[in-house]
């Protein structure tokens, strides 16, 4: 049973609890966007590494594929780095996540693939 001294407490509680819950929900959604962006960037890096590792492919082939995949996935303002050694290609992509709250996340992922080489019949490396 409410008394006269209880009047107005519900409004004060709601004024404190509702904004706190909304901010926590925004942080949760921000985290989910970061996970989704991380998965998308990883996929783009893997596709780019596979493209750059093909027989007679170049680093620019990996850059091109990374750009195409990221455009399809809606990833903007990403940095793609393709490094080639004698036997493997390493692709690193760094991108920002969608920012719902100040202080968004930066996603950085790396994928590698062995460079394909042509072997004559009977030849083994």
Protein backbone atom coordinates (compact mmCIF):
# COMPACT_ATOMS: atom_id res chain seq x y z
CA UNK A 1 0.00 0.00 0.00
CA UNK A 2 1.38 3.39 -1.01
CA UNK A 3 1.62 6.26 1.36
CA UNK A 4 1.87 9.95 0.61
CA UNK A 5 5.67 9.83 1.06
CA UNK A 6 6.03 7.26 -1.77
CA UNK A 7 4.66 9.59 -4.43
CA UNK A 8 7.13 10.43 -7.22
CA UNK A 9 9.64 7.65 -6.51
CA UNK A 10 8.63 5.70 -9.60
CA UNK A 11 9.41 8.67 -11.84
CA UNK A 12 12.82 9.17 -10.22
CA UNK A 13 13.65 5.46 -10.50
CA UNK A 14 12.62 5.39 -14.15
CA UNK A 15 14.66 8.53 -14.86
CA UNK A 16 17.75 6.75 -13.50
CA UNK A 17 17.18 3.19 -14.73
CA UNK A 18 15.90 3.71 -18.29
CA UNK A 19 18.92 5.72 -19.59
CA UNK A 20 21.31 3.28 -17.93
CA UNK A 21 19.61 0.31 -19.58
CA UNK A 22 19.59 2.06 -22.96
CA UNK A 23 23.31 2.86 -22.75
CA UNK A 24 24.07 -0.76 -21.81
CA UNK A 25 22.01 -1.94 -24.77
CA UNK A 26 23.94 0.39 -27.09
CA UNK A 27 27.23 -1.05 -25.81
CA UNK A 28 25.90 -4.57 -26.43
CA UNK A 29 24.88 -3.69 -30.00
CA UNK A 30 28.27 -1.99 -30.53
CA UNK A 31 29.99 -5.21 -29.44
CA UNK A 32 27.84 -7.27 -31.80
CA UNK A 33 28.73 -4.94 -34.68
CA UNK A 34 32.41 -5.40 -33.81
CA UNK A 35 32.05 -9.20 -33.94
CA UNK A 36 30.21 -9.03 -37.28
CA UNK A 37 32.80 -6.64 -38.72
CA UNK A 38 35.60 -8.90 -37.52
CA UNK A 39 34.08 -11.90 -39.28
CA UNK A 40 33.54 -9.92 -42.49
CA UNK A 41 37.09 -8.52 -42.47
CA UNK A 42 38.49 -12.03 -41.85
CA UNK A 43 36.53 -13.35 -44.84
CA UNK A 44 37.84 -10.54 -47.06
CA UNK A 45 41.42 -11.18 -45.92
CA UNK A 46 41.12 -14.92 -46.65
CA UNK A 47 39.69 -14.27 -50.12
CA UNK A 48 42.44 -11.73 -50.86
CA UNK A 49 45.19 -14.10 -49.67
CA UNK A 50 43.83 -16.90 -51.86
CA UNK A 51 43.69 -14.57 -54.88
CA UNK A 52 47.23 -13.24 -54.34
CA UNK A 53 48.62 -16.77 -53.85
CA UNK A 54 47.39 -18.10 -57.19
CA UNK A 55 49.89 -19.11 -59.85
CA UNK A 56 51.41 -15.97 -61.44
CA UNK A 57 49.20 -13.65 -59.35
CA UNK A 58 50.50 -10.36 -57.96
CA UNK A 59 49.91 -8.35 -54.80
CA UNK A 60 47.53 -6.10 -56.71
CA UNK A 61 45.32 -9.14 -57.41
CA UNK A 62 44.92 -9.58 -53.65
CA UNK A 63 44.21 -5.85 -53.23
CA UNK A 64 41.58 -5.98 -55.97
CA UNK A 65 39.77 -9.00 -54.50
CA UNK A 66 39.88 -7.52 -50.99
CA UNK A 67 38.31 -4.31 -52.30
CA UNK A 68 35.58 -6.18 -54.16
CA UNK A 69 34.67 -8.38 -51.18
CA UNK A 70 34.68 -5.45 -48.77
CA UNK A 71 32.48 -3.43 -51.12
CA UNK A 72 29.96 -6.29 -51.22
CA UNK A 73 30.01 -6.53 -47.41
CA UNK A 74 29.68 -2.78 -46.89
CA UNK A 75 33.11 -2.29 -45.32
CA UNK A 76 34.43 1.21 -45.94
CA UNK A 77 37.70 2.98 -45.14
CA UNK A 78 39.73 -0.17 -44.66
CA UNK A 79 43.49 -0.50 -45.03
CA UNK A 80 44.71 -3.54 -46.98
CA UNK A 81 48.34 -4.66 -46.83
CA UNK A 82 49.63 -7.54 -48.98
CA UNK A 83 53.07 -8.92 -48.11
CA UNK A 84 54.68 -11.59 -50.27
CA UNK A 85 57.62 -13.78 -49.29
CA UNK A 86 59.23 -16.57 -51.29
CA UNK A 87 56.62 -19.14 -50.32
CA UNK A 88 53.57 -17.39 -48.84
CA UNK A 89 51.31 -14.35 -49.08
CA UNK A 90 50.09 -12.54 -45.97
CA UNK A 91 47.14 -10.14 -46.20
CA UNK A 92 46.34 -7.78 -43.33
CA UNK A 93 43.15 -5.71 -43.26
CA UNK A 94 42.34 -3.03 -40.69
CA UNK A 95 38.89 -1.41 -40.53
CA UNK A 96 36.74 0.63 -38.17
CA UNK A 97 33.42 -0.69 -36.89
CA UNK A 98 30.14 1.19 -37.00
CA UNK A 99 30.20 3.62 -34.08
CA UNK A 100 27.02 3.79 -32.00
CA UNK A 101 28.76 5.01 -28.87
CA UNK A 102 31.97 7.08 -28.68
CA UNK A 103 35.12 5.00 -28.83
CA UNK A 104 34.32 2.45 -31.52
CA UNK A 105 36.50 -0.55 -32.23
CA UNK A 106 39.20 -1.10 -34.82
CA UNK A 107 39.24 -4.57 -36.33
CA UNK A 108 42.54 -5.93 -37.61
CA UNK A 109 42.92 -9.39 -39.08
CA UNK A 110 45.51 -11.34 -41.01
CA UNK A 111 45.23 -14.26 -43.42
CA UNK A 112 47.97 -16.17 -45.20
CA UNK A 113 48.18 -18.69 -48.01
CA UNK A 114 51.02 -20.63 -49.62
CA UNK A 115 52.01 -19.39 -53.08
CA UNK A 116 51.01 -21.78 -55.84
CA UNK A 117 53.75 -22.92 -58.15
CA UNK A 118 53.71 -24.80 -61.43
CA UNK A 119 55.47 -28.17 -61.43
CA UNK A 120 56.25 -30.19 -64.52
CA UNK A 121 54.94 -33.74 -64.65
CA UNK A 122 57.02 -35.91 -62.32
CA UNK A 123 58.51 -32.90 -60.55
CA UNK A 124 58.12 -32.51 -56.79
CA UNK A 125 59.24 -29.81 -54.43
